[in-house]
Amino acid sequence: MTLVTYIALIIFPFPILFWINEEVGSNAFVISLFIYALMYRPVLDSIRLIDRGILSKSKFWKPFIPFWSVKYLKELFFTA
């Protein structure tokens, strides 16, 4: 996964989240935001770190630990 693809996948859900906030309501928005933060982003971080060879497939679950991905911030965002 390239850096551009990774960032695009991070940003992609935001228009959907804002639409949910406008059309459905704030409760659904908060639930969607939790799903994004607690499920979607850790999966993306895992895939990026596995593709870069930093994380093994057996450790796919590690980014689900809160703030664990901060340890690899440089590898996730600042290296192609």
N, C-alpha and C. Protein backbone atom coordinates (compact mmCIF):
# COMPACT_ATOMS: atom_id res chain seq x y z
N MET A 1 0.85 -1.17 0.00
CA MET A 1 0.00 0.00 0.00
C MET A 1 0.90 1.24 0.00
N THR A 2 0.68 2.11 -0.95
CA THR A 2 1.48 3.32 -1.03
C THR A 2 0.99 4.35 -0.02
N LEU A 3 1.83 5.34 0.21
CA LEU A 3 1.48 6.40 1.17
C LEU A 3 0.25 7.17 0.71
N VAL A 4 0.15 7.44 -0.59
CA VAL A 4 -1.00 8.18 -1.12
C VAL A 4 -2.28 7.38 -0.94
N THR A 5 -2.23 6.09 -1.21
CA THR A 5 -3.39 5.23 -1.02
C THR A 5 -3.80 5.17 0.44
N TYR A 6 -2.82 5.05 1.31
CA TYR A 6 -3.08 4.98 2.75
C TYR A 6 -3.78 6.25 3.24
N ILE A 7 -3.28 7.40 2.85
CA ILE A 7 -3.89 8.67 3.27
C ILE A 7 -5.28 8.84 2.65
N ALA A 8 -5.43 8.42 1.39
CA ALA A 8 -6.75 8.51 0.75
C ALA A 8 -7.76 7.62 1.47
N LEU A 9 -7.34 6.44 1.90
CA LEU A 9 -8.25 5.56 2.63
C LEU A 9 -8.58 6.10 4.01
N ILE A 10 -7.67 6.86 4.60
CA ILE A 10 -7.95 7.49 5.89
C ILE A 10 -9.00 8.59 5.73
N ILE A 11 -8.88 9.38 4.67
CA ILE A 11 -9.76 10.54 4.47
C ILE A 11 -11.11 10.15 3.86
N PHE A 12 -11.16 9.06 3.13
CA PHE A 12 -12.37 8.64 2.41
C PHE A 12 -13.64 8.63 3.26
N PRO A 13 -13.65 8.11 4.49
CA PRO A 13 -14.90 8.03 5.26
C PRO A 13 -15.44 9.36 5.79
N PHE A 14 -14.64 10.42 5.79
CA PHE A 14 -15.09 11.67 6.40
C PHE A 14 -16.32 12.28 5.72
N PRO A 15 -16.42 12.33 4.39
CA PRO A 15 -17.67 12.84 3.82
C PRO A 15 -18.89 11.99 4.21
N ILE A 16 -18.69 10.69 4.33
CA ILE A 16 -19.77 9.81 4.75
C ILE A 16 -20.16 10.12 6.20
N LEU A 17 -19.16 10.34 7.05
CA LEU A 17 -19.44 10.67 8.45
C LEU A 17 -20.20 11.99 8.56
N PHE A 18 -19.80 12.98 7.79
CA PHE A 18 -20.50 14.26 7.83
C PHE A 18 -21.92 14.14 7.29
N TRP A 19 -22.11 13.31 6.27
CA TRP A 19 -23.44 13.08 5.74
C TRP A 19 -24.32 12.42 6.81
N ILE A 20 -23.77 11.43 7.51
CA ILE A 20 -24.51 10.77 8.58
C ILE A 20 -24.91 11.78 9.64
N ASN A 21 -24.02 12.70 9.97
CA ASN A 21 -24.32 13.72 10.97
C ASN A 21 -25.47 14.61 10.52
N GLU A 22 -25.47 15.00 9.26
CA GLU A 22 -26.51 15.90 8.74
C GLU A 22 -27.85 15.20 8.56
N GLU A 23 -27.84 13.99 8.01
CA GLU A 23 -29.08 13.33 7.63
C GLU A 23 -29.67 12.45 8.73
N VAL A 24 -28.84 11.74 9.45
CA VAL A 24 -29.35 10.77 10.40
C VAL A 24 -29.41 11.34 11.81
N GLY A 25 -28.34 12.00 12.22
CA GLY A 25 -28.34 12.59 13.55
C GLY A 25 -27.03 12.37 14.27
N SER A 26 -26.92 13.05 15.39
CA SER A 26 -25.66 13.05 16.11
C SER A 26 -25.36 11.71 16.78
N ASN A 27 -26.37 10.98 17.20
CA ASN A 27 -26.11 9.67 17.81
C ASN A 27 -25.48 8.71 16.82
N ALA A 28 -26.00 8.67 15.61
CA ALA A 28 -25.42 7.81 14.58
C ALA A 28 -24.03 8.29 14.20
N PHE A 29 -23.82 9.60 14.23
CA PHE A 29 -22.50 10.14 13.93
C PHE A 29 -21.47 9.68 14.96
N VAL A 30 -21.83 9.74 16.21
CA VAL A 30 -20.91 9.32 17.27
C VAL A 30 -20.60 7.83 17.17
N ILE A 31 -21.60 7.03 16.89
CA ILE A 31 -21.39 5.59 16.71
C ILE A 31 -20.48 5.33 15.52
N SER A 32 -20.72 6.04 14.42
CA SER A 32 -19.89 5.89 13.22
C SER A 32 -18.46 6.33 13.48
N LEU A 33 -18.28 7.39 14.25
CA LEU A 33 -16.95 7.86 14.60
C LEU A 33 -16.20 6.84 15.44
N PHE A 34 -16.90 6.20 16.37
CA PHE A 34 -16.27 5.14 17.16
C PHE A 34 -15.88 3.95 16.29
N ILE A 35 -16.74 3.58 15.35
CA ILE A 35 -16.41 2.48 14.43
C ILE A 35 -15.18 2.85 13.61
N TYR A 36 -15.12 4.08 13.15
CA TYR A 36 -13.96 4.54 12.38
C TYR A 36 -12.69 4.46 13.22
N ALA A 37 -12.74 4.98 14.43
CA ALA A 37 -11.54 5.09 15.26
C ALA A 37 -11.12 3.76 15.87
N LEU A 38 -12.08 2.91 16.20
CA LEU A 38 -11.75 1.69 16.91
C LEU A 38 -11.65 0.45 16.03
N MET A 39 -12.16 0.53 14.79
CA MET A 39 -12.11 -0.64 13.91
C MET A 39 -11.43 -0.35 12.58
N TYR A 40 -11.85 0.72 11.90
CA TYR A 40 -11.37 1.01 10.55
C TYR A 40 -9.89 1.41 10.54
N ARG A 41 -9.52 2.38 11.36
CA ARG A 41 -8.14 2.84 11.38
C ARG A 41 -7.14 1.78 11.84
N PRO A 42 -7.44 0.99 12.88
CA PRO A 42 -6.47 -0.05 13.24
C PRO A 42 -6.26 -1.08 12.13
N VAL A 43 -7.32 -1.40 11.39
CA VAL A 43 -7.17 -2.34 10.27
C VAL A 43 -6.26 -1.73 9.20
N LEU A 44 -6.48 -0.45 8.87
CA LEU A 44 -5.62 0.21 7.89
C LEU A 44 -4.17 0.27 8.36
N ASP A 45 -3.96 0.60 9.62
CA ASP A 45 -2.61 0.66 10.15
C ASP A 45 -1.95 -0.71 10.11
N SER A 46 -2.69 -1.76 10.44
CA SER A 46 -2.15 -3.12 10.39
C SER A 46 -1.74 -3.49 8.98
N ILE A 47 -2.60 -3.22 8.02
CA ILE A 47 -2.29 -3.56 6.63
C ILE A 47 -1.06 -2.80 6.16
N ARG A 48 -0.97 -1.52 6.46
CA ARG A 48 0.20 -0.73 6.05
C ARG A 48 1.48 -1.25 6.69
N LEU A 49 1.44 -1.56 7.97
CA LEU A 49 2.64 -2.05 8.65
C LEU A 49 3.04 -3.44 8.18
N ILE A 50 2.06 -4.28 7.87
CA ILE A 50 2.37 -5.61 7.33
C ILE A 50 2.98 -5.48 5.94
N ASP A 51 2.43 -4.61 5.09
CA ASP A 51 2.98 -4.39 3.76
C ASP A 51 4.41 -3.86 3.80
N ARG A 52 4.71 -3.06 4.79
CA ARG A 52 6.06 -2.48 4.92
C ARG A 52 7.03 -3.45 5.58
N GLY A 53 6.54 -4.59 6.07
CA GLY A 53 7.40 -5.58 6.68
C GLY A 53 7.76 -5.28 8.13
N ILE A 54 7.08 -4.37 8.75
CA ILE A 54 7.35 -3.97 10.13
C ILE A 54 6.60 -4.86 11.10
N LEU A 55 5.44 -5.32 10.69
CA LEU A 55 4.56 -6.11 11.54
C LEU A 55 4.30 -7.45 10.86
N SER A 56 4.34 -8.53 11.62
CA SER A 56 4.03 -9.83 11.04
C SER A 56 2.51 -10.04 11.03
N LYS A 57 2.06 -10.95 10.17
CA LYS A 57 0.62 -11.19 10.06
C LYS A 57 0.04 -11.73 11.36
N SER A 58 0.83 -12.41 12.15
CA SER A 58 0.33 -12.95 13.41
C SER A 58 0.11 -11.85 14.45
N LYS A 59 0.69 -10.67 14.23
CA LYS A 59 0.54 -9.54 15.15
C LYS A 59 -0.46 -8.50 14.62
N PHE A 60 -1.36 -8.93 13.73
CA PHE A 60 -2.36 -8.04 13.12
C PHE A 60 -3.17 -7.29 14.17
N TRP A 61 -3.39 -7.87 15.31
CA TRP A 61 -4.23 -7.32 16.37
C TRP A 61 -3.59 -6.17 17.13
N LYS A 62 -2.28 -6.02 17.07
CA LYS A 62 -1.58 -5.02 17.89
C LYS A 62 -2.09 -3.59 17.70
N PRO A 63 -2.36 -3.10 16.49
CA PRO A 63 -2.85 -1.72 16.37
C PRO A 63 -4.21 -1.47 17.01
N PHE A 64 -4.91 -2.50 17.43
CA PHE A 64 -6.18 -2.31 18.13
C PHE A 64 -5.96 -1.86 19.57
N ILE A 65 -4.73 -1.96 20.06
CA ILE A 65 -4.40 -1.46 21.39
C ILE A 65 -4.33 0.07 21.28
N PRO A 66 -5.04 0.79 22.15
CA PRO A 66 -5.04 2.27 22.04
C PRO A 66 -3.63 2.85 22.08
N PHE A 67 -3.37 3.74 21.15
CA PHE A 67 -2.13 4.50 21.01
C PHE A 67 -0.92 3.64 20.66
N TRP A 68 -1.09 2.37 20.34
CA TRP A 68 0.04 1.53 19.95
C TRP A 68 0.65 2.00 18.64
N SER A 69 -0.17 2.46 17.71
CA SER A 69 0.32 2.87 16.39
C SER A 69 1.17 4.13 16.45
N VAL A 70 1.09 4.88 17.53
CA VAL A 70 1.91 6.08 17.68
C VAL A 70 3.39 5.71 17.66
N LYS A 71 3.70 4.52 18.11
CA LYS A 71 5.07 4.02 18.11
C LYS A 71 5.64 3.97 16.68
N TYR A 72 4.78 3.73 15.71
CA TYR A 72 5.19 3.61 14.31
C TYR A 72 4.69 4.77 13.46
N LEU A 73 4.51 5.91 14.04
CA LEU A 73 3.99 7.08 13.32
C LEU A 73 4.88 7.44 12.13
N LYS A 74 6.18 7.40 12.31
CA LYS A 74 7.11 7.74 11.24
C LYS A 74 6.95 6.76 10.07
N GLU A 75 6.85 5.48 10.37
CA GLU A 75 6.71 4.47 9.32
C GLU A 75 5.36 4.54 8.63
N LEU A 76 4.34 4.95 9.35
CA LEU A 76 3.01 5.02 8.75
C LEU A 76 2.85 6.24 7.83
N PHE A 77 3.37 7.39 8.22
CA PHE A 77 3.06 8.61 7.49
C PHE A 77 4.22 9.27 6.77
N PHE A 78 5.43 9.08 7.21
CA PHE A 78 6.53 9.89 6.69
C PHE A 78 7.52 9.16 5.82
N THR A 79 7.26 7.90 5.51
CA THR A 79 8.13 7.18 4.59
C THR A 79 7.28 6.58 3.48
N ALA A 80 7.79 6.65 2.28
CA ALA A 80 7.05 6.13 1.13
C ALA A 80 7.30 4.67 1.04
